[in-house]
Amino acid sequence: MGLGKQLMEKSIAAAISEGYNEIYLETLPELHIAVGLYEHLGFEYLEHPYGDSGHFACDLWMRKIIRN
């Protein structure tokens, strides 16, 4: 049904309208479908997290630049 993609697209649009420059997320490699969606939407992998979010189980970090 594409609901995850629609939700991500709305979230990205909201971040753009609020003036954010990038979107950061933390996830798990076991969430193959979600990770594939993030890749498809232009998220890139990071080598380490941005600070200490408290999500200790998450070991994949990604970001998407939405405004230069």
PDB file of N, CA and C in Angstrom:
ATOM      1  N   MET A   1       0.813  -1.199   0.000  1.00  0.00           N
ATOM      2  CA  MET A   1       0.000   0.000   0.000  1.00  0.00           C
ATOM      3  C   MET A   1       0.859   1.266   0.000  1.00  0.00           C
ATOM      4  N   GLY A   2       2.108   1.144   0.391  1.00  0.00           N
ATOM      5  CA  GLY A   2       2.985   2.304   0.343  1.00  0.00           C
ATOM      6  C   GLY A   2       2.802   3.298   1.471  1.00  0.00           C
ATOM      7  N   LEU A   3       2.210   2.876   2.570  1.00  0.00           N
ATOM      8  CA  LEU A   3       1.950   3.817   3.667  1.00  0.00           C
ATOM      9  C   LEU A   3       3.234   4.329   4.303  1.00  0.00           C
ATOM     10  N   GLY A   4       4.233   3.451   4.447  1.00  0.00           N
ATOM     11  CA  GLY A   4       5.506   3.887   5.017  1.00  0.00           C
ATOM     12  C   GLY A   4       6.163   4.951   4.160  1.00  0.00           C
ATOM     13  N   LYS A   5       6.133   4.749   2.851  1.00  0.00           N
ATOM     14  CA  LYS A   5       6.714   5.735   1.933  1.00  0.00           C
ATOM     15  C   LYS A   5       5.952   7.054   2.007  1.00  0.00           C
ATOM     16  N   GLN A   6       4.626   6.983   2.049  1.00  0.00           N
ATOM     17  CA  GLN A   6       3.826   8.204   2.141  1.00  0.00           C
ATOM     18  C   GLN A   6       4.132   8.965   3.432  1.00  0.00           C
ATOM     19  N   LEU A   7       4.258   8.236   4.530  1.00  0.00           N
ATOM     20  CA  LEU A   7       4.565   8.870   5.808  1.00  0.00           C
ATOM     21  C   LEU A   7       5.944   9.529   5.773  1.00  0.00           C
ATOM     22  N   MET A   8       6.924   8.846   5.211  1.00  0.00           N
ATOM     23  CA  MET A   8       8.272   9.421   5.111  1.00  0.00           C
ATOM     24  C   MET A   8       8.264  10.657   4.210  1.00  0.00           C
ATOM     25  N   GLU A   9       7.549  10.599   3.102  1.00  0.00           N
ATOM     26  CA  GLU A   9       7.489  11.752   2.195  1.00  0.00           C
ATOM     27  C   GLU A   9       6.834  12.948   2.885  1.00  0.00           C
ATOM     28  N   LYS A  10       5.793  12.703   3.666  1.00  0.00           N
ATOM     29  CA  LYS A  10       5.153  13.798   4.404  1.00  0.00           C
ATOM     30  C   LYS A  10       6.083  14.346   5.478  1.00  0.00           C
ATOM     31  N   SER A  11       6.824  13.462   6.129  1.00  0.00           N
ATOM     32  CA  SER A  11       7.784  13.901   7.148  1.00  0.00           C
ATOM     33  C   SER A  11       8.895  14.743   6.531  1.00  0.00           C
ATOM     34  N   ILE A  12       9.392  14.331   5.388  1.00  0.00           N
ATOM     35  CA  ILE A  12      10.428  15.091   4.698  1.00  0.00           C
ATOM     36  C   ILE A  12       9.885  16.457   4.272  1.00  0.00           C
ATOM     37  N   ALA A  13       8.685  16.488   3.717  1.00  0.00           N
ATOM     38  CA  ALA A  13       8.065  17.753   3.313  1.00  0.00           C
ATOM     39  C   ALA A  13       7.876  18.682   4.512  1.00  0.00           C
ATOM     40  N   ALA A  14       7.465  18.119   5.641  1.00  0.00           N
ATOM     41  CA  ALA A  14       7.286  18.936   6.848  1.00  0.00           C
ATOM     42  C   ALA A  14       8.622  19.497   7.329  1.00  0.00           C
ATOM     43  N   ALA A  15       9.666  18.681   7.295  1.00  0.00           N
ATOM     44  CA  ALA A  15      10.991  19.151   7.709  1.00  0.00           C
ATOM     45  C   ALA A  15      11.475  20.281   6.807  1.00  0.00           C
ATOM     46  N   ILE A  16      11.235  20.154   5.512  1.00  0.00           N
ATOM     47  CA  ILE A  16      11.614  21.211   4.569  1.00  0.00           C
ATOM     48  C   ILE A  16      10.842  22.489   4.889  1.00  0.00           C
ATOM     49  N   SER A  17       9.534  22.377   5.104  1.00  0.00           N
ATOM     50  CA  SER A  17       8.719  23.567   5.364  1.00  0.00           C
ATOM     51  C   SER A  17       9.084  24.228   6.689  1.00  0.00           C
ATOM     52  N   GLU A  18       9.641  23.461   7.618  1.00  0.00           N
ATOM     53  CA  GLU A  18      10.063  24.012   8.911  1.00  0.00           C
ATOM     54  C   GLU A  18      11.493  24.550   8.884  1.00  0.00           C
ATOM     55  N   GLY A  19      12.161  24.427   7.742  1.00  0.00           N
ATOM     56  CA  GLY A  19      13.487  25.004   7.588  1.00  0.00           C
ATOM     57  C   GLY A  19      14.662  24.125   7.977  1.00  0.00           C
ATOM     58  N   TYR A  20      14.421  22.837   8.178  1.00  0.00           N
ATOM     59  CA  TYR A  20      15.527  21.939   8.508  1.00  0.00           C
ATOM     60  C   TYR A  20      16.428  21.734   7.297  1.00  0.00           C
ATOM     61  N   ASN A  21      17.708  21.463   7.546  1.00  0.00           N
ATOM     62  CA  ASN A  21      18.680  21.231   6.495  1.00  0.00           C
ATOM     63  C   ASN A  21      18.896  19.751   6.201  1.00  0.00           C
ATOM     64  N   GLU A  22      18.660  18.920   7.188  1.00  0.00           N
ATOM     65  CA  GLU A  22      18.839  17.496   7.004  1.00  0.00           C
ATOM     66  C   GLU A  22      17.944  16.723   7.966  1.00  0.00           C
ATOM     67  N   ILE A  23      17.774  15.442   7.657  1.00  0.00           N
ATOM     68  CA  ILE A  23      17.004  14.545   8.501  1.00  0.00           C
ATOM     69  C   ILE A  23      17.945  13.420   8.920  1.00  0.00           C
ATOM     70  N   TYR A  24      17.912  13.088  10.189  1.00  0.00           N
ATOM     71  CA  TYR A  24      18.760  12.042  10.747  1.00  0.00           C
ATOM     72  C   TYR A  24      17.868  10.955  11.328  1.00  0.00           C
ATOM     73  N   LEU A  25      18.271   9.704  11.146  1.00  0.00           N
ATOM     74  CA  LEU A  25      17.527   8.610  11.756  1.00  0.00           C
ATOM     75  C   LEU A  25      18.471   7.527  12.240  1.00  0.00           C
ATOM     76  N   GLU A  26      17.986   6.766  13.189  1.00  0.00           N
ATOM     77  CA  GLU A  26      18.695   5.605  13.705  1.00  0.00           C
ATOM     78  C   GLU A  26      17.778   4.404  13.519  1.00  0.00           C
ATOM     79  N   THR A  27      18.360   3.278  13.096  1.00  0.00           N
ATOM     80  CA  THR A  27      17.559   2.097  12.842  1.00  0.00           C
ATOM     81  C   THR A  27      18.386   0.845  13.093  1.00  0.00           C
ATOM     82  N   LEU A  28      17.799  -0.287  12.784  1.00  0.00           N
ATOM     83  CA  LEU A  28      18.440  -1.588  12.949  1.00  0.00           C
ATOM     84  C   LEU A  28      18.593  -2.260  11.594  1.00  0.00           C
ATOM     85  N   PRO A  29      19.698  -2.955  11.363  1.00  0.00           N
ATOM     86  CA  PRO A  29      19.871  -3.628  10.068  1.00  0.00           C
ATOM     87  C   PRO A  29      18.825  -4.712   9.816  1.00  0.00           C
ATOM     88  N   GLU A  30      18.227  -5.258  10.879  1.00  0.00           N
ATOM     89  CA  GLU A  30      17.204  -6.288  10.711  1.00  0.00           C
ATOM     90  C   GLU A  30      15.940  -5.761  10.047  1.00  0.00           C
ATOM     91  N   LEU A  31      15.761  -4.468  10.057  1.00  0.00           N
ATOM     92  CA  LEU A  31      14.570  -3.854   9.452  1.00  0.00           C
ATOM     93  C   LEU A  31      14.836  -3.601   7.962  1.00  0.00           C
ATOM     94  N   HIS A  32      15.044  -4.688   7.223  1.00  0.00           N
ATOM     95  CA  HIS A  32      15.463  -4.624   5.821  1.00  0.00           C
ATOM     96  C   HIS A  32      14.540  -3.766   4.960  1.00  0.00           C
ATOM     97  N   ILE A  33      13.252  -3.922   5.135  1.00  0.00           N
ATOM     98  CA  ILE A  33      12.307  -3.179   4.295  1.00  0.00           C
ATOM     99  C   ILE A  33      12.409  -1.694   4.573  1.00  0.00           C
ATOM    100  N   ALA A  34      12.482  -1.321   5.851  1.00  0.00           N
ATOM    101  CA  ALA A  34      12.597   0.097   6.206  1.00  0.00           C
ATOM    102  C   ALA A  34      13.914   0.666   5.703  1.00  0.00           C
ATOM    103  N   VAL A  35      15.008  -0.056   5.887  1.00  0.00           N
ATOM    104  CA  VAL A  35      16.319   0.428   5.432  1.00  0.00           C
ATOM    105  C   VAL A  35      16.299   0.616   3.921  1.00  0.00           C
ATOM    106  N   GLY A  36      15.691  -0.313   3.199  1.00  0.00           N
ATOM    107  CA  GLY A  36      15.572  -0.170   1.744  1.00  0.00           C
ATOM    108  C   GLY A  36      14.777   1.064   1.359  1.00  0.00           C
ATOM    109  N   LEU A  37      13.724   1.353   2.112  1.00  0.00           N
ATOM    110  CA  LEU A  37      12.928   2.555   1.852  1.00  0.00           C
ATOM    111  C   LEU A  37      13.772   3.808   2.076  1.00  0.00           C
ATOM    112  N   TYR A  38      14.513   3.838   3.177  1.00  0.00           N
ATOM    113  CA  TYR A  38      15.366   5.000   3.459  1.00  0.00           C
ATOM    114  C   TYR A  38      16.386   5.199   2.344  1.00  0.00           C
ATOM    115  N   GLU A  39      16.996   4.108   1.875  1.00  0.00           N
ATOM    116  CA  GLU A  39      17.952   4.211   0.768  1.00  0.00           C
ATOM    117  C   GLU A  39      17.262   4.767  -0.476  1.00  0.00           C
ATOM    118  N   HIS A  40      16.088   4.234  -0.783  1.00  0.00           N
ATOM    119  CA  HIS A  40      15.324   4.675  -1.959  1.00  0.00           C
ATOM    120  C   HIS A  40      14.984   6.170  -1.883  1.00  0.00           C
ATOM    121  N   LEU A  41      14.745   6.665  -0.675  1.00  0.00           N
ATOM    122  CA  LEU A  41      14.391   8.074  -0.492  1.00  0.00           C
ATOM    123  C   LEU A  41      15.612   8.988  -0.390  1.00  0.00           C
ATOM    124  N   GLY A  42      16.804   8.423  -0.543  1.00  0.00           N
ATOM    125  CA  GLY A  42      18.001   9.251  -0.611  1.00  0.00           C
ATOM    126  C   GLY A  42      18.782   9.395   0.677  1.00  0.00           C
ATOM    127  N   PHE A  43      18.490   8.584   1.680  1.00  0.00           N
ATOM    128  CA  PHE A  43      19.266   8.627   2.913  1.00  0.00           C
ATOM    129  C   PHE A  43      20.610   7.958   2.667  1.00  0.00           C
ATOM    130  N   GLU A  44      21.645   8.495   3.289  1.00  0.00           N
ATOM    131  CA  GLU A  44      22.983   7.916   3.179  1.00  0.00           C
ATOM    132  C   GLU A  44      23.428   7.426   4.554  1.00  0.00           C
ATOM    133  N   TYR A  45      24.302   6.449   4.541  1.00  0.00           N
ATOM    134  CA  TYR A  45      24.808   5.860   5.781  1.00  0.00           C
ATOM    135  C   TYR A  45      25.854   6.764   6.426  1.00  0.00           C
ATOM    136  N   LEU A  46      25.855   6.752   7.739  1.00  0.00           N
ATOM    137  CA  LEU A  46      26.864   7.455   8.528  1.00  0.00           C
ATOM    138  C   LEU A  46      27.709   6.421   9.262  1.00  0.00           C
ATOM    139  N   GLU A  47      28.935   6.790   9.601  1.00  0.00           N
ATOM    140  CA  GLU A  47      29.821   5.864  10.309  1.00  0.00           C
ATOM    141  C   GLU A  47      29.587   5.849  11.807  1.00  0.00           C
ATOM    142  N   HIS A  48      28.927   6.878  12.325  1.00  0.00           N
ATOM    143  CA  HIS A  48      28.675   6.967  13.767  1.00  0.00           C
ATOM    144  C   HIS A  48      27.434   7.815  13.995  1.00  0.00           C
ATOM    145  N   PRO A  49      26.844   7.705  15.183  1.00  0.00           N
ATOM    146  CA  PRO A  49      25.630   8.487  15.462  1.00  0.00           C
ATOM    147  C   PRO A  49      25.923   9.953  15.695  1.00  0.00           C
ATOM    148  N   TYR A  50      24.888  10.755  15.598  1.00  0.00           N
ATOM    149  CA  TYR A  50      24.952  12.168  15.977  1.00  0.00           C
ATOM    150  C   TYR A  50      24.658  12.243  17.476  1.00  0.00           C
ATOM    151  N   GLY A  51      25.666  12.286  18.287  1.00  0.00           N
ATOM    152  CA  GLY A  51      25.447  12.447  19.715  1.00  0.00           C
ATOM    153  C   GLY A  51      24.870  11.215  20.388  1.00  0.00           C
ATOM    154  N   ASP A  52      24.216  11.432  21.525  1.00  0.00           N
ATOM    155  CA  ASP A  52      23.697  10.356  22.352  1.00  0.00           C
ATOM    156  C   ASP A  52      22.171  10.431  22.406  1.00  0.00           C
ATOM    157  N   SER A  53      21.514   9.672  21.530  1.00  0.00           N
ATOM    158  CA  SER A  53      20.050   9.704  21.473  1.00  0.00           C
ATOM    159  C   SER A  53      19.412   8.802  22.519  1.00  0.00           C
ATOM    160  N   GLY A  54      20.191   7.877  23.063  1.00  0.00           N
ATOM    161  CA  GLY A  54      19.637   6.917  23.999  1.00  0.00           C
ATOM    162  C   GLY A  54      19.136   5.648  23.338  1.00  0.00           C
ATOM    163  N   HIS A  55      19.216   5.558  22.023  1.00  0.00           N
ATOM    164  CA  HIS A  55      18.791   4.357  21.294  1.00  0.00           C
ATOM    165  C   HIS A  55      19.982   3.401  21.191  1.00  0.00           C
ATOM    166  N   PHE A  56      20.245   2.695  22.261  1.00  0.00           N
ATOM    167  CA  PHE A  56      21.449   1.882  22.335  1.00  0.00           C
ATOM    168  C   PHE A  56      21.418   0.670  21.415  1.00  0.00           C
ATOM    169  N   ALA A  57      20.250   0.171  21.067  1.00  0.00           N
ATOM    170  CA  ALA A  57      20.157  -1.006  20.201  1.00  0.00           C
ATOM    171  C   ALA A  57      20.360  -0.664  18.730  1.00  0.00           C
ATOM    172  N   CYS A  58      20.152   0.577  18.362  1.00  0.00           N
ATOM    173  CA  CYS A  58      20.266   0.978  16.960  1.00  0.00           C
ATOM    174  C   CYS A  58      21.734   1.116  16.581  1.00  0.00           C
ATOM    175  N   ASP A  59      22.118   0.401  15.529  1.00  0.00           N
ATOM    176  CA  ASP A  59      23.510   0.497  15.100  1.00  0.00           C
ATOM    177  C   ASP A  59      23.650   0.836  13.621  1.00  0.00           C
ATOM    178  N   LEU A  60      22.604   1.399  13.050  1.00  0.00           N
ATOM    179  CA  LEU A  60      22.652   1.995  11.710  1.00  0.00           C
ATOM    180  C   LEU A  60      22.189   3.430  11.831  1.00  0.00           C
ATOM    181  N   TRP A  61      22.989   4.320  11.288  1.00  0.00           N
ATOM    182  CA  TRP A  61      22.681   5.743  11.355  1.00  0.00           C
ATOM    183  C   TRP A  61      22.663   6.278   9.932  1.00  0.00           C
ATOM    184  N   MET A  62      21.641   7.068   9.627  1.00  0.00           N
ATOM    185  CA  MET A  62      21.477   7.568   8.261  1.00  0.00           C
ATOM    186  C   MET A  62      21.038   9.025   8.304  1.00  0.00           C
ATOM    187  N   ARG A  63      21.314   9.739   7.199  1.00  0.00           N
ATOM    188  CA  ARG A  63      20.847  11.111   7.077  1.00  0.00           C
ATOM    189  C   ARG A  63      20.483  11.397   5.630  1.00  0.00           C
ATOM    190  N   LYS A  64      19.674  12.419   5.485  1.00  0.00           N
ATOM    191  CA  LYS A  64      19.286  12.910   4.161  1.00  0.00           C
ATOM    192  C   LYS A  64      19.423  14.421   4.197  1.00  0.00           C
ATOM    193  N   ILE A  65      20.240  14.951   3.300  1.00  0.00           N
ATOM    194  CA  ILE A  65      20.368  16.395   3.155  1.00  0.00           C
ATOM    195  C   ILE A  65      19.149  16.877   2.378  1.00  0.00           C
ATOM    196  N   ILE A  66      18.408  17.839   2.938  1.00  0.00           N
ATOM    197  CA  ILE A  66      17.204  18.312   2.252  1.00  0.00           C
ATOM    198  C   ILE A  66      17.309  19.766   1.829  1.00  0.00           C
ATOM    199  N   ARG A  67      18.374  20.428   2.275  1.00  0.00           N
ATOM    200  CA  ARG A  67      18.558  21.825   1.901  1.00  0.00           C
ATOM    201  C   ARG A  67      20.042  22.143   2.050  1.00  0.00           C
ATOM    202  N   ASN A  68      20.627  22.710   1.028  1.00  0.00           N
ATOM    203  CA  ASN A  68      22.060  23.069   1.074  1.00  0.00           C
ATOM    204  C   ASN A  68      22.275  24.424   1.674  1.00  0.00           C
TER     205      ASN A  68
END
